[in-house]
N, C-alpha and C. Protein backbone atom coordinates (compact mmCIF):
# COMPACT_ATOMS: atom_id res chain seq x y z
N GLN A 1 -14.72 19.37 27.57
CA GLN A 1 -15.01 19.25 26.16
C GLN A 1 -13.84 19.78 25.35
N GLY A 2 -13.38 19.00 24.39
CA GLY A 2 -12.25 19.44 23.58
C GLY A 2 -12.68 20.36 22.47
N GLN A 3 -11.73 21.17 22.03
CA GLN A 3 -12.03 22.05 20.91
C GLN A 3 -10.79 22.27 20.07
N LEU A 4 -11.03 22.67 18.82
CA LEU A 4 -9.96 22.99 17.89
C LEU A 4 -10.07 24.47 17.56
N VAL A 5 -8.95 25.16 17.65
CA VAL A 5 -8.93 26.59 17.37
C VAL A 5 -8.01 26.85 16.19
N GLU A 6 -8.59 27.35 15.11
CA GLU A 6 -7.85 27.61 13.88
C GLU A 6 -7.48 29.08 13.78
N SER A 7 -6.41 29.33 13.05
CA SER A 7 -6.02 30.71 12.76
C SER A 7 -5.20 30.72 11.49
N GLY A 8 -5.08 31.91 10.90
CA GLY A 8 -4.19 32.09 9.75
C GLY A 8 -4.87 32.31 8.42
N GLY A 9 -6.17 32.23 8.35
CA GLY A 9 -6.84 32.47 7.08
C GLY A 9 -6.80 33.94 6.70
N GLY A 10 -7.27 34.22 5.49
CA GLY A 10 -7.30 35.61 5.05
C GLY A 10 -7.32 35.73 3.55
N LEU A 11 -7.07 36.94 3.08
CA LEU A 11 -7.06 37.25 1.64
C LEU A 11 -5.62 37.30 1.15
N VAL A 12 -5.37 36.63 0.05
CA VAL A 12 -4.02 36.60 -0.51
C VAL A 12 -4.13 36.63 -2.03
N GLN A 13 -3.14 37.21 -2.68
CA GLN A 13 -3.12 37.25 -4.14
C GLN A 13 -2.67 35.92 -4.71
N PRO A 14 -3.08 35.61 -5.93
CA PRO A 14 -2.59 34.38 -6.57
C PRO A 14 -1.06 34.34 -6.57
N GLY A 15 -0.53 33.17 -6.26
CA GLY A 15 0.91 33.00 -6.15
C GLY A 15 1.45 33.25 -4.76
N GLY A 16 0.62 33.77 -3.88
CA GLY A 16 1.04 34.08 -2.53
C GLY A 16 1.01 32.88 -1.61
N SER A 17 1.30 33.13 -0.33
CA SER A 17 1.38 32.07 0.66
C SER A 17 0.59 32.44 1.90
N LEU A 18 0.12 31.41 2.59
CA LEU A 18 -0.52 31.55 3.89
C LEU A 18 -0.16 30.34 4.73
N ARG A 19 -0.19 30.53 6.03
CA ARG A 19 0.04 29.41 6.95
C ARG A 19 -1.11 29.32 7.92
N LEU A 20 -1.77 28.17 7.91
CA LEU A 20 -2.85 27.91 8.85
C LEU A 20 -2.33 27.14 10.05
N SER A 21 -2.92 27.44 11.20
CA SER A 21 -2.58 26.72 12.43
C SER A 21 -3.85 26.22 13.09
N CYS A 22 -3.74 25.12 13.79
CA CYS A 22 -4.88 24.57 14.52
C CYS A 22 -4.36 23.93 15.79
N ALA A 23 -4.85 24.42 16.91
CA ALA A 23 -4.44 23.89 18.21
C ALA A 23 -5.60 23.14 18.85
N ALA A 24 -5.31 21.93 19.30
CA ALA A 24 -6.32 21.14 20.02
C ALA A 24 -6.17 21.39 21.51
N SER A 25 -7.28 21.67 22.16
CA SER A 25 -7.23 21.94 23.59
C SER A 25 -8.38 21.25 24.31
N GLY A 26 -8.30 21.29 25.64
CA GLY A 26 -9.36 20.66 26.42
C GLY A 26 -9.19 19.16 26.46
N SER A 27 -10.30 18.43 26.41
CA SER A 27 -10.29 16.98 26.59
C SER A 27 -10.07 16.24 25.28
N ILE A 28 -8.97 16.53 24.62
CA ILE A 28 -8.61 15.82 23.40
C ILE A 28 -7.31 15.09 23.66
N PHE A 29 -7.41 13.76 23.71
CA PHE A 29 -6.25 12.94 24.01
C PHE A 29 -6.10 11.84 22.98
N SER A 30 -4.95 11.21 22.99
CA SER A 30 -4.67 10.06 22.11
C SER A 30 -4.97 10.38 20.65
N ILE A 31 -4.41 11.49 20.19
CA ILE A 31 -4.62 11.91 18.80
C ILE A 31 -3.94 10.92 17.87
N ASN A 32 -4.68 10.44 16.90
CA ASN A 32 -4.17 9.50 15.91
C ASN A 32 -3.77 10.20 14.62
N ARG A 33 -4.58 11.16 14.20
CA ARG A 33 -4.27 11.91 13.00
C ARG A 33 -4.84 13.31 13.11
N MET A 34 -4.19 14.23 12.39
CA MET A 34 -4.61 15.62 12.33
C MET A 34 -4.60 16.02 10.87
N GLY A 35 -5.54 16.85 10.49
CA GLY A 35 -5.57 17.20 9.08
C GLY A 35 -6.39 18.44 8.79
N TRP A 36 -6.48 18.72 7.50
CA TRP A 36 -7.23 19.86 7.01
C TRP A 36 -8.16 19.42 5.88
N TYR A 37 -9.38 19.89 5.95
CA TYR A 37 -10.34 19.74 4.87
C TYR A 37 -10.71 21.14 4.40
N ARG A 38 -11.32 21.22 3.25
CA ARG A 38 -11.82 22.51 2.77
C ARG A 38 -13.13 22.33 2.03
N GLN A 39 -13.89 23.41 2.04
CA GLN A 39 -15.17 23.41 1.34
C GLN A 39 -15.33 24.73 0.60
N ALA A 40 -15.38 24.63 -0.71
CA ALA A 40 -15.58 25.81 -1.55
C ALA A 40 -17.08 26.01 -1.76
N PRO A 41 -17.51 27.22 -2.10
CA PRO A 41 -18.93 27.48 -2.31
C PRO A 41 -19.53 26.53 -3.34
N GLY A 42 -20.63 25.89 -2.98
CA GLY A 42 -21.32 25.00 -3.90
C GLY A 42 -20.68 23.65 -4.08
N LYS A 43 -19.64 23.36 -3.31
CA LYS A 43 -18.94 22.07 -3.44
C LYS A 43 -18.96 21.31 -2.12
N GLU A 44 -18.66 20.03 -2.20
CA GLU A 44 -18.59 19.21 -1.01
C GLU A 44 -17.24 19.43 -0.29
N ARG A 45 -17.25 19.12 0.99
CA ARG A 45 -16.01 19.21 1.76
C ARG A 45 -15.05 18.13 1.26
N GLU A 46 -13.78 18.51 1.11
CA GLU A 46 -12.79 17.56 0.61
C GLU A 46 -11.54 17.58 1.47
N LEU A 47 -10.87 16.44 1.50
CA LEU A 47 -9.62 16.34 2.23
C LEU A 47 -8.53 17.12 1.51
N VAL A 48 -7.78 17.91 2.27
CA VAL A 48 -6.63 18.63 1.72
C VAL A 48 -5.34 17.89 2.07
N ALA A 49 -5.16 17.63 3.36
CA ALA A 49 -3.94 16.96 3.81
C ALA A 49 -4.16 16.38 5.19
N VAL A 50 -3.44 15.30 5.48
CA VAL A 50 -3.53 14.67 6.79
C VAL A 50 -2.14 14.22 7.21
N VAL A 51 -1.88 14.27 8.52
CA VAL A 51 -0.62 13.78 9.06
C VAL A 51 -0.93 12.87 10.24
N TYR A 52 -0.22 11.73 10.27
CA TYR A 52 -0.42 10.76 11.34
C TYR A 52 0.57 11.08 12.46
N THR A 53 0.08 11.10 13.69
CA THR A 53 0.92 11.55 14.79
C THR A 53 2.01 10.55 15.13
N THR A 54 1.81 9.28 14.81
CA THR A 54 2.84 8.28 15.01
C THR A 54 3.52 7.99 13.67
N GLY A 55 4.77 8.32 13.59
CA GLY A 55 5.50 8.09 12.35
C GLY A 55 5.55 9.30 11.43
N GLY A 56 4.53 10.13 11.50
CA GLY A 56 4.55 11.36 10.71
C GLY A 56 4.20 11.21 9.24
N ALA A 57 3.63 10.07 8.84
CA ALA A 57 3.24 9.92 7.44
C ALA A 57 2.21 10.97 7.07
N THR A 58 2.23 11.37 5.79
CA THR A 58 1.30 12.40 5.31
C THR A 58 0.61 11.95 4.03
N ASN A 59 -0.56 12.51 3.80
CA ASN A 59 -1.29 12.32 2.54
C ASN A 59 -1.82 13.67 2.09
N TYR A 60 -1.81 13.88 0.79
CA TYR A 60 -2.28 15.14 0.22
C TYR A 60 -3.26 14.89 -0.91
N ALA A 61 -4.18 15.82 -1.07
CA ALA A 61 -5.00 15.81 -2.27
C ALA A 61 -4.11 16.10 -3.47
N ASP A 62 -4.42 15.50 -4.60
CA ASP A 62 -3.59 15.70 -5.79
C ASP A 62 -3.50 17.17 -6.17
N SER A 63 -4.56 17.91 -5.92
CA SER A 63 -4.62 19.31 -6.35
C SER A 63 -3.67 20.22 -5.56
N VAL A 64 -3.15 19.74 -4.42
CA VAL A 64 -2.28 20.60 -3.60
C VAL A 64 -0.86 20.04 -3.47
N LYS A 65 -0.63 18.86 -4.01
CA LYS A 65 0.70 18.25 -3.91
C LYS A 65 1.75 19.17 -4.52
N GLY A 66 2.86 19.33 -3.80
CA GLY A 66 3.94 20.17 -4.26
C GLY A 66 3.78 21.64 -3.90
N ARG A 67 2.58 22.02 -3.43
CA ARG A 67 2.33 23.42 -3.06
C ARG A 67 2.05 23.58 -1.57
N PHE A 68 1.37 22.60 -0.99
CA PHE A 68 1.01 22.66 0.42
C PHE A 68 1.86 21.67 1.23
N THR A 69 2.14 22.04 2.46
CA THR A 69 2.87 21.15 3.36
C THR A 69 2.19 21.12 4.72
N ILE A 70 1.88 19.93 5.18
CA ILE A 70 1.28 19.77 6.51
C ILE A 70 2.35 19.32 7.48
N SER A 71 2.27 19.85 8.70
CA SER A 71 3.22 19.45 9.73
C SER A 71 2.50 19.50 11.08
N ARG A 72 3.12 18.87 12.06
CA ARG A 72 2.46 18.88 13.37
C ARG A 72 3.50 18.99 14.48
N ASP A 73 3.05 19.49 15.61
CA ASP A 73 3.86 19.56 16.82
C ASP A 73 3.09 18.77 17.86
N ASN A 74 3.51 17.52 18.08
CA ASN A 74 2.76 16.65 18.98
C ASN A 74 2.73 17.19 20.41
N ALA A 75 3.82 17.81 20.82
CA ALA A 75 3.87 18.32 22.19
C ALA A 75 2.85 19.42 22.42
N LYS A 76 2.55 20.17 21.36
CA LYS A 76 1.59 21.28 21.47
C LYS A 76 0.21 20.91 20.94
N ASN A 77 0.06 19.65 20.47
CA ASN A 77 -1.22 19.25 19.86
C ASN A 77 -1.66 20.24 18.80
N THR A 78 -0.73 20.62 17.95
CA THR A 78 -0.97 21.64 16.94
C THR A 78 -0.59 21.10 15.57
N VAL A 79 -1.43 21.44 14.59
CA VAL A 79 -1.14 21.08 13.20
C VAL A 79 -1.10 22.35 12.37
N TYR A 80 -0.22 22.34 11.38
CA TYR A 80 -0.01 23.51 10.52
C TYR A 80 -0.24 23.11 9.06
N LEU A 81 -0.63 24.09 8.27
CA LEU A 81 -0.73 23.89 6.83
C LEU A 81 -0.06 25.08 6.15
N GLN A 82 1.10 24.85 5.59
CA GLN A 82 1.79 25.88 4.82
C GLN A 82 1.31 25.80 3.39
N MET A 83 0.73 26.88 2.90
CA MET A 83 0.15 26.91 1.56
C MET A 83 0.94 27.90 0.71
N ASN A 84 1.58 27.40 -0.32
CA ASN A 84 2.36 28.23 -1.24
C ASN A 84 1.75 28.18 -2.63
N SER A 85 2.15 29.12 -3.46
CA SER A 85 1.68 29.17 -4.85
C SER A 85 0.16 29.04 -4.91
N LEU A 86 -0.50 29.81 -4.10
CA LEU A 86 -1.95 29.71 -4.01
C LEU A 86 -2.63 30.13 -5.31
N LYS A 87 -3.73 29.44 -5.59
CA LYS A 87 -4.50 29.69 -6.80
C LYS A 87 -5.93 30.11 -6.42
N PRO A 88 -6.61 30.79 -7.32
CA PRO A 88 -8.01 31.16 -7.00
C PRO A 88 -8.87 29.95 -6.64
N GLU A 89 -8.59 28.81 -7.22
CA GLU A 89 -9.39 27.61 -6.93
C GLU A 89 -9.10 27.04 -5.54
N ASP A 90 -8.13 27.59 -4.83
CA ASP A 90 -7.89 27.19 -3.44
C ASP A 90 -8.82 27.94 -2.48
N THR A 91 -9.56 28.89 -3.00
CA THR A 91 -10.49 29.65 -2.17
C THR A 91 -11.52 28.72 -1.57
N ALA A 92 -11.63 28.75 -0.23
CA ALA A 92 -12.54 27.86 0.47
C ALA A 92 -12.48 28.17 1.96
N VAL A 93 -13.41 27.58 2.68
CA VAL A 93 -13.29 27.55 4.13
C VAL A 93 -12.50 26.30 4.49
N TYR A 94 -11.45 26.48 5.25
CA TYR A 94 -10.57 25.38 5.64
C TYR A 94 -10.90 24.96 7.07
N TYR A 95 -11.11 23.66 7.24
CA TYR A 95 -11.49 23.10 8.53
C TYR A 95 -10.38 22.20 9.06
N CYS A 96 -10.06 22.40 10.29
CA CYS A 96 -9.13 21.52 10.98
C CYS A 96 -9.88 20.27 11.44
N TYR A 97 -9.20 19.14 11.41
CA TYR A 97 -9.81 17.86 11.77
C TYR A 97 -8.83 17.06 12.63
N VAL A 98 -9.36 16.45 13.66
CA VAL A 98 -8.56 15.60 14.54
C VAL A 98 -9.32 14.31 14.80
N ARG A 99 -8.61 13.20 14.72
CA ARG A 99 -9.20 11.91 15.08
C ARG A 99 -8.41 11.33 16.24
N THR A 100 -9.14 10.86 17.22
CA THR A 100 -8.49 10.25 18.39
C THR A 100 -8.93 8.79 18.51
N ILE A 101 -8.06 7.98 19.11
CA ILE A 101 -8.38 6.58 19.42
C ILE A 101 -8.02 6.35 20.87
N ALA A 102 -9.03 6.07 21.70
CA ALA A 102 -8.80 5.86 23.12
C ALA A 102 -7.91 4.65 23.34
N THR A 103 -6.94 4.81 24.21
CA THR A 103 -5.94 3.77 24.44
C THR A 103 -6.57 2.47 24.97
N MET A 104 -7.46 2.59 25.94
CA MET A 104 -8.00 1.40 26.60
C MET A 104 -9.18 0.79 25.85
N THR A 105 -10.02 1.61 25.23
CA THR A 105 -11.26 1.10 24.62
C THR A 105 -11.24 1.07 23.11
N SER A 106 -10.25 1.74 22.50
CA SER A 106 -10.17 1.91 21.04
C SER A 106 -11.34 2.69 20.48
N LEU A 107 -12.03 3.43 21.34
CA LEU A 107 -13.12 4.28 20.87
C LEU A 107 -12.56 5.39 20.00
N ILE A 108 -13.14 5.57 18.82
CA ILE A 108 -12.70 6.60 17.89
C ILE A 108 -13.61 7.82 18.00
N GLU A 109 -13.02 8.99 18.08
CA GLU A 109 -13.78 10.23 18.12
C GLU A 109 -13.22 11.21 17.08
N HIS A 110 -14.09 12.05 16.57
CA HIS A 110 -13.73 13.02 15.55
C HIS A 110 -14.03 14.43 16.05
N TYR A 111 -13.11 15.32 15.79
CA TYR A 111 -13.28 16.73 16.18
C TYR A 111 -13.08 17.61 14.95
N TRP A 112 -13.86 18.66 14.90
CA TRP A 112 -13.78 19.62 13.78
C TRP A 112 -13.64 21.03 14.33
N GLY A 113 -12.82 21.83 13.66
CA GLY A 113 -12.78 23.24 13.95
C GLY A 113 -13.95 23.96 13.30
N LYS A 114 -14.08 25.25 13.59
CA LYS A 114 -15.19 26.02 13.05
C LYS A 114 -14.91 26.50 11.63
N GLY A 115 -13.67 26.43 11.23
CA GLY A 115 -13.31 26.83 9.88
C GLY A 115 -12.70 28.21 9.81
N THR A 116 -11.79 28.37 8.86
CA THR A 116 -11.18 29.67 8.60
C THR A 116 -11.19 29.91 7.09
N LEU A 117 -11.58 31.10 6.68
CA LEU A 117 -11.77 31.40 5.27
C LEU A 117 -10.44 31.80 4.63
N VAL A 118 -10.14 31.15 3.52
CA VAL A 118 -9.00 31.51 2.69
C VAL A 118 -9.53 31.99 1.35
N THR A 119 -9.19 33.21 0.97
CA THR A 119 -9.63 33.78 -0.29
C THR A 119 -8.40 34.14 -1.12
N VAL A 120 -8.33 33.57 -2.31
CA VAL A 120 -7.22 33.84 -3.20
C VAL A 120 -7.76 34.65 -4.38
N SER A 121 -7.38 35.91 -4.42
CA SER A 121 -7.95 36.79 -5.43
C SER A 121 -7.04 38.00 -5.62
N SER A 122 -7.04 38.50 -6.85
CA SER A 122 -6.27 39.71 -7.14
C SER A 122 -7.16 40.94 -7.05
């Protein structure tokens, strides 16, 4: 059974930076995309950023463009989220997400991490 292990959350002051990491392990193969979602209290889960493992294209939520950077290490099956100029409204639980597409069957599977809390507060 595959799993995603996140790290790097915590408490940071407004304007500060944090780096989240997520490593995919176990039976996770043929990764198509890796990304981060977040869910703030009382709000729905939303996409923050995604990176495609082939070609490296990225997409960002408008609210984080220019402040957050997503990157991946395909050899390590790891995705990172560098968060700069953090704002109180970035406070949320951040979830790692991986989508795989089986080479032979094209079966799509989705994996989620357990989440890591990011709190931006003075």
